Amino acid sequence: MDTLMKVFDKAVESRFDRRCTFVALGGGVIGDMCGFAAAAFLRGVNFIQIPTTLMAQVDSSVGGKTGINHPLGKNLIGAFYQPQCVLIDTDTLNTLPDRELASGIAEVVKYGLIRDAPFFEWQEKNMPELLARLSRLGLDMEHGSMGRLSQLE
């Protein structure tokens, strides 16, 4: 909550108006907070997501759910607010620790299980290479999941 208030303070001090754009550069927590700030500031300003984790690239940056935690619970304060643009640079995935990458891969696998048997079969076939962090396969997997994610919403 303190960080959100600091965002609002800076926006007011900088005399942001309705034409401003909030930009989220980071993982899901940053994107959720920045999106909520954009939704609430002046009753809604432009918002761009630049997710840097696989989970954020395939899930939180494209779902439209924004928000912050409350001391009494997670995601109790929020809004549905779509970004005007989502910019994805898959090279950022090369900076992730294995645990963070695995979390995103699990989300992508879930999409295959829920919605698309051929995509899941592709995942099974290519998982060794993906886990070895071959960039080309990571890019192909993301593009496949992004299209399917929009169908799940």
N, C-alpha and C. Protein backbone atom coordinates (compact mmCIF):
# COMPACT_ATOMS: atom_id res chain seq x y z
N MET A 1 0.83 -1.20 0.00
CA MET A 1 0.00 0.00 0.00
C MET A 1 0.87 1.25 0.00
N ASP A 2 1.97 1.20 0.76
CA ASP A 2 2.89 2.35 0.80
C ASP A 2 3.48 2.64 -0.57
N THR A 3 3.86 1.58 -1.28
CA THR A 3 4.45 1.75 -2.61
C THR A 3 3.43 2.36 -3.57
N LEU A 4 2.20 1.90 -3.49
CA LEU A 4 1.15 2.46 -4.35
C LEU A 4 0.97 3.95 -4.08
N MET A 5 0.96 4.33 -2.81
CA MET A 5 0.82 5.75 -2.47
C MET A 5 2.01 6.56 -2.99
N LYS A 6 3.19 5.97 -2.98
CA LYS A 6 4.37 6.67 -3.54
C LYS A 6 4.21 6.88 -5.04
N VAL A 7 3.63 5.90 -5.73
CA VAL A 7 3.36 6.05 -7.16
C VAL A 7 2.39 7.21 -7.39
N PHE A 8 1.31 7.23 -6.61
CA PHE A 8 0.34 8.32 -6.74
C PHE A 8 0.98 9.67 -6.40
N ASP A 9 1.78 9.71 -5.34
CA ASP A 9 2.46 10.96 -4.97
C ASP A 9 3.32 11.48 -6.11
N LYS A 10 4.13 10.61 -6.71
CA LYS A 10 5.00 11.03 -7.81
C LYS A 10 4.18 11.49 -9.02
N ALA A 11 3.09 10.80 -9.30
CA ALA A 11 2.25 11.18 -10.43
C ALA A 11 1.64 12.57 -10.22
N VAL A 12 1.16 12.83 -9.01
CA VAL A 12 0.57 14.14 -8.70
C VAL A 12 1.65 15.22 -8.72
N GLU A 13 2.78 14.95 -8.06
CA GLU A 13 3.88 15.92 -8.02
C GLU A 13 4.40 16.25 -9.42
N SER A 14 4.36 15.27 -10.31
CA SER A 14 4.83 15.46 -11.69
C SER A 14 3.76 16.04 -12.60
N ARG A 15 2.60 16.30 -12.01
CA ARG A 15 1.46 16.88 -12.73
C ARG A 15 1.00 16.02 -13.92
N PHE A 16 1.00 14.72 -13.69
CA PHE A 16 0.47 13.82 -14.71
C PHE A 16 -0.99 14.16 -14.95
N ASP A 17 -1.41 14.04 -16.19
CA ASP A 17 -2.82 14.26 -16.52
C ASP A 17 -3.36 13.01 -17.21
N ARG A 18 -4.56 13.11 -17.75
CA ARG A 18 -5.21 11.94 -18.35
C ARG A 18 -4.48 11.41 -19.58
N ARG A 19 -3.57 12.20 -20.13
CA ARG A 19 -2.81 11.75 -21.30
C ARG A 19 -1.56 10.96 -20.93
N CYS A 20 -1.27 10.83 -19.64
CA CYS A 20 -0.05 10.14 -19.22
C CYS A 20 -0.19 8.63 -19.43
N THR A 21 0.94 7.95 -19.37
CA THR A 21 0.97 6.50 -19.49
C THR A 21 1.82 5.93 -18.36
N PHE A 22 1.25 5.00 -17.62
CA PHE A 22 2.01 4.27 -16.61
C PHE A 22 2.63 3.05 -17.30
N VAL A 23 3.89 2.77 -17.01
CA VAL A 23 4.60 1.65 -17.62
C VAL A 23 5.08 0.71 -16.52
N ALA A 24 4.68 -0.55 -16.64
CA ALA A 24 5.12 -1.58 -15.69
C ALA A 24 6.25 -2.37 -16.32
N LEU A 25 7.44 -2.29 -15.74
CA LEU A 25 8.60 -3.05 -16.19
C LEU A 25 9.01 -3.97 -15.05
N GLY A 26 8.68 -5.25 -15.18
CA GLY A 26 9.00 -6.20 -14.12
C GLY A 26 8.09 -7.41 -14.18
N GLY A 27 8.03 -8.11 -13.08
CA GLY A 27 7.21 -9.32 -12.99
C GLY A 27 5.77 -9.02 -12.63
N GLY A 28 5.07 -10.06 -12.20
CA GLY A 28 3.65 -9.95 -11.95
C GLY A 28 3.25 -8.97 -10.87
N VAL A 29 4.00 -8.90 -9.79
CA VAL A 29 3.65 -7.98 -8.70
C VAL A 29 3.74 -6.53 -9.18
N ILE A 30 4.80 -6.22 -9.91
CA ILE A 30 4.96 -4.86 -10.45
C ILE A 30 3.84 -4.56 -11.43
N GLY A 31 3.55 -5.49 -12.32
CA GLY A 31 2.48 -5.28 -13.30
C GLY A 31 1.12 -5.10 -12.66
N ASP A 32 0.83 -5.92 -11.64
CA ASP A 32 -0.46 -5.81 -10.95
C ASP A 32 -0.61 -4.46 -10.26
N MET A 33 0.45 -4.03 -9.58
CA MET A 33 0.37 -2.75 -8.86
C MET A 33 0.30 -1.58 -9.83
N CYS A 34 1.13 -1.60 -10.86
CA CYS A 34 1.13 -0.50 -11.82
C CYS A 34 -0.20 -0.43 -12.56
N GLY A 35 -0.75 -1.58 -12.91
CA GLY A 35 -2.05 -1.61 -13.58
C GLY A 35 -3.16 -1.06 -12.71
N PHE A 36 -3.12 -1.41 -11.42
CA PHE A 36 -4.13 -0.87 -10.51
C PHE A 36 -3.95 0.63 -10.35
N ALA A 37 -2.70 1.09 -10.24
CA ALA A 37 -2.44 2.53 -10.14
C ALA A 37 -2.98 3.25 -11.37
N ALA A 38 -2.76 2.67 -12.55
CA ALA A 38 -3.26 3.29 -13.78
C ALA A 38 -4.79 3.30 -13.81
N ALA A 39 -5.41 2.24 -13.32
CA ALA A 39 -6.87 2.17 -13.29
C ALA A 39 -7.46 3.21 -12.35
N ALA A 40 -6.80 3.44 -11.22
CA ALA A 40 -7.34 4.32 -10.19
C ALA A 40 -6.96 5.79 -10.38
N PHE A 41 -5.78 6.06 -10.95
CA PHE A 41 -5.33 7.44 -11.07
C PHE A 41 -6.19 8.19 -12.09
N LEU A 42 -6.77 9.28 -11.65
CA LEU A 42 -7.67 10.09 -12.50
C LEU A 42 -8.75 9.24 -13.16
N ARG A 43 -9.16 8.18 -12.47
CA ARG A 43 -10.19 7.24 -12.94
C ARG A 43 -9.80 6.52 -14.23
N GLY A 44 -8.51 6.39 -14.43
CA GLY A 44 -8.02 5.57 -15.54
C GLY A 44 -7.14 6.32 -16.52
N VAL A 45 -5.88 5.91 -16.58
CA VAL A 45 -4.94 6.47 -17.56
C VAL A 45 -4.33 5.31 -18.35
N ASN A 46 -3.62 5.64 -19.40
CA ASN A 46 -2.99 4.61 -20.23
C ASN A 46 -2.01 3.78 -19.41
N PHE A 47 -1.82 2.55 -19.86
CA PHE A 47 -1.02 1.59 -19.11
C PHE A 47 -0.36 0.63 -20.10
N ILE A 48 0.95 0.44 -19.97
CA ILE A 48 1.71 -0.48 -20.81
C ILE A 48 2.42 -1.48 -19.90
N GLN A 49 2.38 -2.74 -20.29
CA GLN A 49 3.08 -3.80 -19.56
C GLN A 49 4.33 -4.22 -20.32
N ILE A 50 5.46 -4.32 -19.62
CA ILE A 50 6.68 -4.90 -20.16
C ILE A 50 7.12 -5.98 -19.17
N PRO A 51 6.51 -7.17 -19.28
CA PRO A 51 6.79 -8.23 -18.31
C PRO A 51 8.18 -8.85 -18.51
N THR A 52 8.85 -9.14 -17.40
CA THR A 52 10.21 -9.68 -17.47
C THR A 52 10.33 -11.10 -16.93
N THR A 53 9.23 -11.70 -16.50
CA THR A 53 9.24 -13.10 -16.08
C THR A 53 8.33 -13.89 -17.01
N LEU A 54 8.59 -15.18 -17.15
CA LEU A 54 7.75 -16.00 -18.02
C LEU A 54 6.32 -16.02 -17.52
N MET A 55 6.12 -16.14 -16.22
CA MET A 55 4.77 -16.14 -15.66
C MET A 55 4.03 -14.85 -16.05
N ALA A 56 4.69 -13.72 -15.92
CA ALA A 56 4.05 -12.46 -16.28
C ALA A 56 3.82 -12.37 -17.78
N GLN A 57 4.75 -12.92 -18.58
CA GLN A 57 4.61 -12.84 -20.03
C GLN A 57 3.43 -13.65 -20.54
N VAL A 58 3.16 -14.79 -19.93
CA VAL A 58 2.08 -15.66 -20.43
C VAL A 58 0.79 -15.58 -19.63
N ASP A 59 0.81 -14.88 -18.49
CA ASP A 59 -0.37 -14.88 -17.64
C ASP A 59 -0.76 -13.49 -17.16
N SER A 60 -0.07 -12.97 -16.19
CA SER A 60 -0.55 -11.76 -15.51
C SER A 60 -0.58 -10.51 -16.38
N SER A 61 0.30 -10.42 -17.38
CA SER A 61 0.31 -9.19 -18.20
C SER A 61 -0.83 -9.15 -19.20
N VAL A 62 -1.45 -10.28 -19.48
CA VAL A 62 -2.48 -10.32 -20.51
C VAL A 62 -3.88 -10.62 -19.98
N GLY A 63 -4.02 -10.83 -18.70
CA GLY A 63 -5.32 -11.20 -18.14
C GLY A 63 -6.21 -10.04 -17.75
N GLY A 64 -5.64 -8.85 -17.57
CA GLY A 64 -6.43 -7.68 -17.20
C GLY A 64 -6.72 -7.54 -15.72
N LYS A 65 -6.28 -8.51 -14.91
CA LYS A 65 -6.50 -8.40 -13.47
C LYS A 65 -5.36 -7.60 -12.86
N THR A 66 -5.70 -6.55 -12.14
CA THR A 66 -4.70 -5.72 -11.48
C THR A 66 -5.07 -5.59 -10.02
N GLY A 67 -4.09 -5.31 -9.19
CA GLY A 67 -4.43 -5.12 -7.79
C GLY A 67 -3.24 -5.19 -6.87
N ILE A 68 -3.54 -4.98 -5.61
CA ILE A 68 -2.53 -5.04 -4.55
C ILE A 68 -3.09 -5.86 -3.40
N ASN A 69 -2.18 -6.30 -2.56
CA ASN A 69 -2.59 -7.05 -1.37
C ASN A 69 -2.99 -6.09 -0.25
N HIS A 70 -3.84 -6.57 0.61
CA HIS A 70 -4.25 -5.87 1.82
C HIS A 70 -3.63 -6.64 2.99
N PRO A 71 -3.35 -5.99 4.10
CA PRO A 71 -2.78 -6.74 5.24
C PRO A 71 -3.62 -7.95 5.65
N LEU A 72 -4.90 -7.94 5.36
CA LEU A 72 -5.77 -9.06 5.75
C LEU A 72 -5.95 -10.11 4.67
N GLY A 73 -5.36 -9.90 3.49
CA GLY A 73 -5.49 -10.90 2.45
C GLY A 73 -4.90 -10.48 1.12
N LYS A 74 -4.68 -11.47 0.28
CA LYS A 74 -4.06 -11.26 -1.02
C LYS A 74 -5.10 -10.82 -2.06
N ASN A 75 -4.73 -9.86 -2.88
CA ASN A 75 -5.55 -9.38 -4.00
C ASN A 75 -6.95 -8.92 -3.59
N LEU A 76 -7.07 -8.32 -2.43
CA LEU A 76 -8.37 -7.83 -1.98
C LEU A 76 -8.73 -6.47 -2.58
N ILE A 77 -7.74 -5.76 -3.09
CA ILE A 77 -7.97 -4.44 -3.67
C ILE A 77 -7.52 -4.51 -5.12
N GLY A 78 -8.43 -4.27 -6.07
CA GLY A 78 -8.03 -4.39 -7.46
C GLY A 78 -9.10 -3.96 -8.43
N ALA A 79 -8.78 -4.14 -9.69
CA ALA A 79 -9.69 -3.78 -10.77
C ALA A 79 -9.33 -4.61 -12.00
N PHE A 80 -10.28 -4.74 -12.90
CA PHE A 80 -9.98 -5.30 -14.21
C PHE A 80 -9.62 -4.13 -15.11
N TYR A 81 -8.40 -4.14 -15.62
CA TYR A 81 -7.92 -3.01 -16.41
C TYR A 81 -6.88 -3.51 -17.40
N GLN A 82 -7.24 -3.52 -18.67
CA GLN A 82 -6.35 -4.03 -19.71
C GLN A 82 -5.29 -3.01 -20.09
N PRO A 83 -4.06 -3.46 -20.29
CA PRO A 83 -3.03 -2.55 -20.80
C PRO A 83 -3.30 -2.20 -22.26
N GLN A 84 -2.85 -1.03 -22.68
CA GLN A 84 -2.98 -0.66 -24.08
C GLN A 84 -2.03 -1.48 -24.93
N CYS A 85 -0.96 -1.96 -24.31
CA CYS A 85 0.08 -2.67 -25.05
C CYS A 85 0.84 -3.57 -24.08
N VAL A 86 1.24 -4.73 -24.56
CA VAL A 86 2.13 -5.61 -23.81
C VAL A 86 3.35 -5.85 -24.69
N LEU A 87 4.52 -5.43 -24.22
CA LEU A 87 5.77 -5.62 -24.95
C LEU A 87 6.55 -6.74 -24.28
N ILE A 88 6.88 -7.78 -25.06
CA ILE A 88 7.58 -8.92 -24.50
C ILE A 88 8.94 -9.07 -25.18
N ASP A 89 9.97 -9.07 -24.37
CA ASP A 89 11.33 -9.34 -24.83
C ASP A 89 11.75 -10.66 -24.19
N THR A 90 11.75 -11.73 -24.99
CA THR A 90 12.04 -13.05 -24.42
C THR A 90 13.49 -13.17 -23.94
N ASP A 91 14.36 -12.26 -24.34
CA ASP A 91 15.73 -12.30 -23.82
C ASP A 91 15.77 -12.10 -22.31
N THR A 92 14.75 -11.44 -21.75
CA THR A 92 14.74 -11.25 -20.29
C THR A 92 14.64 -12.59 -19.56
N LEU A 93 14.12 -13.61 -20.24
CA LEU A 93 14.00 -14.93 -19.61
C LEU A 93 15.37 -15.53 -19.30
N ASN A 94 16.38 -15.13 -20.05
CA ASN A 94 17.74 -15.65 -19.82
C ASN A 94 18.31 -15.17 -18.49
N THR A 95 17.69 -14.17 -17.89
CA THR A 95 18.19 -13.64 -16.61
C THR A 95 17.51 -14.29 -15.41
N LEU A 96 16.50 -15.12 -15.66
CA LEU A 96 15.72 -15.68 -14.55
C LEU A 96 16.41 -16.85 -13.87
N PRO A 97 16.27 -16.95 -12.56
CA PRO A 97 16.72 -18.17 -11.88
C PRO A 97 15.85 -19.35 -12.33
N ASP A 98 16.39 -20.56 -12.24
CA ASP A 98 15.66 -21.75 -12.69
C ASP A 98 14.29 -21.86 -12.04
N ARG A 99 14.20 -21.58 -10.75
CA ARG A 99 12.92 -21.71 -10.04
C ARG A 99 11.85 -20.77 -10.63
N GLU A 100 12.24 -19.55 -10.95
CA GLU A 100 11.31 -18.58 -11.53
C GLU A 100 10.87 -19.02 -12.93
N LEU A 101 11.82 -19.53 -13.72
CA LEU A 101 11.48 -20.02 -15.05
C LEU A 101 10.55 -21.23 -14.95
N ALA A 102 10.82 -22.12 -14.01
CA ALA A 102 9.99 -23.32 -13.83
C ALA A 102 8.56 -22.94 -13.48
N SER A 103 8.37 -21.91 -12.70
CA SER A 103 7.03 -21.45 -12.34
C SER A 103 6.25 -21.04 -13.59
N GLY A 104 6.90 -20.32 -14.48
CA GLY A 104 6.25 -19.90 -15.72
C GLY A 104 5.98 -21.08 -16.64
N ILE A 105 6.93 -22.01 -16.71
CA ILE A 105 6.75 -23.19 -17.55
C ILE A 105 5.55 -23.99 -17.05
N ALA A 106 5.39 -24.12 -15.75
CA ALA A 106 4.24 -24.84 -15.20
C ALA A 106 2.93 -24.20 -15.64
N GLU A 107 2.89 -22.89 -15.71
CA GLU A 107 1.68 -22.19 -16.16
C GLU A 107 1.40 -22.50 -17.63
N VAL A 108 2.45 -22.52 -18.44
CA VAL A 108 2.29 -22.82 -19.87
C VAL A 108 1.82 -24.26 -20.05
N VAL A 109 2.37 -25.19 -19.29
CA VAL A 109 1.94 -26.59 -19.35
C VAL A 109 0.46 -26.69 -18.99
N LYS A 110 0.04 -25.93 -18.00
CA LYS A 110 -1.37 -25.93 -17.59
C LYS A 110 -2.28 -25.56 -18.76
N TYR A 111 -1.87 -24.58 -19.56
CA TYR A 111 -2.68 -24.19 -20.72
C TYR A 111 -2.83 -25.36 -21.69
N GLY A 112 -1.74 -26.10 -21.91
CA GLY A 112 -1.82 -27.25 -22.79
C GLY A 112 -2.74 -28.32 -22.24
N LEU A 113 -2.67 -28.58 -20.95
CA LEU A 113 -3.53 -29.59 -20.33
C LEU A 113 -5.00 -29.20 -20.39
N ILE A 114 -5.29 -27.95 -20.15
CA ILE A 114 -6.68 -27.49 -20.08
C ILE A 114 -7.32 -27.38 -21.46
N ARG A 115 -6.57 -26.91 -22.43
CA ARG A 115 -7.21 -26.44 -23.64
C ARG A 115 -6.77 -27.10 -24.94
N ASP A 116 -5.56 -27.66 -25.02
CA ASP A 116 -5.02 -27.97 -26.33
C ASP A 116 -4.10 -29.19 -26.28
N ALA A 117 -4.65 -30.36 -26.62
CA ALA A 117 -3.86 -31.60 -26.56
C ALA A 117 -2.64 -31.55 -27.49
N PRO A 118 -2.77 -31.08 -28.74
CA PRO A 118 -1.57 -31.00 -29.60
C PRO A 118 -0.48 -30.09 -29.02
N PHE A 119 -0.89 -29.00 -28.40
CA PHE A 119 0.09 -28.11 -27.78
C PHE A 119 0.77 -28.81 -26.61
N PHE A 120 0.00 -29.56 -25.83
CA PHE A 120 0.58 -30.31 -24.71
C PHE A 120 1.56 -31.37 -25.23
N GLU A 121 1.21 -32.05 -26.31
CA GLU A 121 2.11 -33.04 -26.91
C GLU A 121 3.40 -32.37 -27.38
N TRP A 122 3.27 -31.18 -27.97
CA TRP A 122 4.45 -30.42 -28.39
C TRP A 122 5.32 -30.12 -27.17
N GLN A 123 4.70 -29.75 -26.08
CA GLN A 123 5.44 -29.45 -24.85
C GLN A 123 6.22 -30.68 -24.38
N GLU A 124 5.54 -31.84 -24.35
CA GLU A 124 6.20 -33.06 -23.90
C GLU A 124 7.44 -33.36 -24.75
N LYS A 125 7.27 -33.22 -26.05
CA LYS A 125 8.36 -33.50 -26.98
C LYS A 125 9.53 -32.53 -26.81
N ASN A 126 9.24 -31.28 -26.55
CA ASN A 126 10.26 -30.24 -26.54
C ASN A 126 10.72 -29.80 -25.15
N MET A 127 10.16 -30.38 -24.11
CA MET A 127 10.50 -29.93 -22.76
C MET A 127 11.99 -30.04 -22.43
N PRO A 128 12.68 -31.10 -22.82
CA PRO A 128 14.12 -31.14 -22.49
C PRO A 128 14.89 -29.93 -23.03
N GLU A 129 14.60 -29.58 -24.26
CA GLU A 129 15.28 -28.42 -24.85
C GLU A 129 14.85 -27.13 -24.16
N LEU A 130 13.57 -27.03 -23.83
CA LEU A 130 13.09 -25.83 -23.15
C LEU A 130 13.76 -25.68 -21.80
N LEU A 131 13.83 -26.75 -21.07
CA LEU A 131 14.47 -26.69 -19.75
C LEU A 131 15.95 -26.37 -19.86
N ALA A 132 16.56 -26.68 -20.98
CA ALA A 132 17.96 -26.33 -21.21
C ALA A 132 18.09 -24.87 -21.63
N ARG A 133 16.96 -24.17 -21.66
CA ARG A 133 16.92 -22.74 -21.94
C ARG A 133 17.33 -22.37 -23.35
N LEU A 134 16.93 -23.16 -24.33
CA LEU A 134 17.18 -22.77 -25.71
C LEU A 134 16.18 -21.69 -26.08
N SER A 135 16.65 -20.53 -26.40
CA SER A 135 15.81 -19.36 -26.61
C SER A 135 14.75 -19.58 -27.68
N ARG A 136 15.10 -20.22 -28.79
CA ARG A 136 14.13 -20.37 -29.87
C ARG A 136 12.91 -21.17 -29.42
N LEU A 137 13.12 -22.24 -28.70
CA LEU A 137 12.00 -23.04 -28.22
C LEU A 137 11.18 -22.28 -27.19
N GLY A 138 11.83 -21.50 -26.36
CA GLY A 138 11.10 -20.68 -25.40
C GLY A 138 10.18 -19.70 -26.10
N LEU A 139 10.68 -19.09 -27.19
CA LEU A 139 9.87 -18.14 -27.96
C LEU A 139 8.68 -18.84 -28.59
N ASP A 140 8.90 -20.01 -29.19
CA ASP A 140 7.80 -20.74 -29.81
C ASP A 140 6.75 -21.11 -28.78
N MET A 141 7.17 -21.54 -27.62
CA MET A 141 6.23 -21.94 -26.58
C MET A 141 5.40 -20.75 -26.12
N GLU A 142 6.04 -19.61 -25.97
CA GLU A 142 5.29 -18.44 -25.52
C GLU A 142 4.25 -18.04 -26.54
N HIS A 143 4.62 -18.01 -27.81
CA HIS A 143 3.65 -17.59 -28.82
C HIS A 143 2.46 -18.54 -28.84
N GLY A 144 2.71 -19.84 -28.69
CA GLY A 144 1.60 -20.78 -28.63
C GLY A 144 0.70 -20.54 -27.44
N SER A 145 1.28 -20.29 -26.29
CA SER A 145 0.47 -20.12 -25.08
C SER A 145 -0.30 -18.82 -25.10
N MET A 146 0.26 -17.77 -25.69
CA MET A 146 -0.42 -16.48 -25.69
C MET A 146 -1.75 -16.58 -26.43
N GLY A 147 -1.76 -17.24 -27.58
CA GLY A 147 -3.00 -17.37 -28.32
C GLY A 147 -4.02 -18.19 -27.56
N ARG A 148 -3.57 -19.23 -26.93
CA ARG A 148 -4.48 -20.08 -26.17
C ARG A 148 -4.98 -19.40 -24.91
N LEU A 149 -4.14 -18.58 -24.29
CA LEU A 149 -4.56 -17.87 -23.08
C LEU A 149 -5.75 -16.98 -23.38
N SER A 150 -5.73 -16.29 -24.51
CA SER A 150 -6.83 -15.39 -24.82
C SER A 150 -8.13 -16.17 -24.99
N GLN A 151 -8.04 -17.43 -25.39
CA GLN A 151 -9.24 -18.25 -25.53
C GLN A 151 -9.76 -18.72 -24.18
N LEU A 152 -8.89 -18.80 -23.18
CA LEU A 152 -9.30 -19.26 -21.85
C LEU A 152 -10.07 -18.21 -21.08
N GLU A 153 -9.75 -16.95 -21.34
CA GLU A 153 -10.34 -15.86 -20.56
C GLU A 153 -11.83 -15.75 -20.81
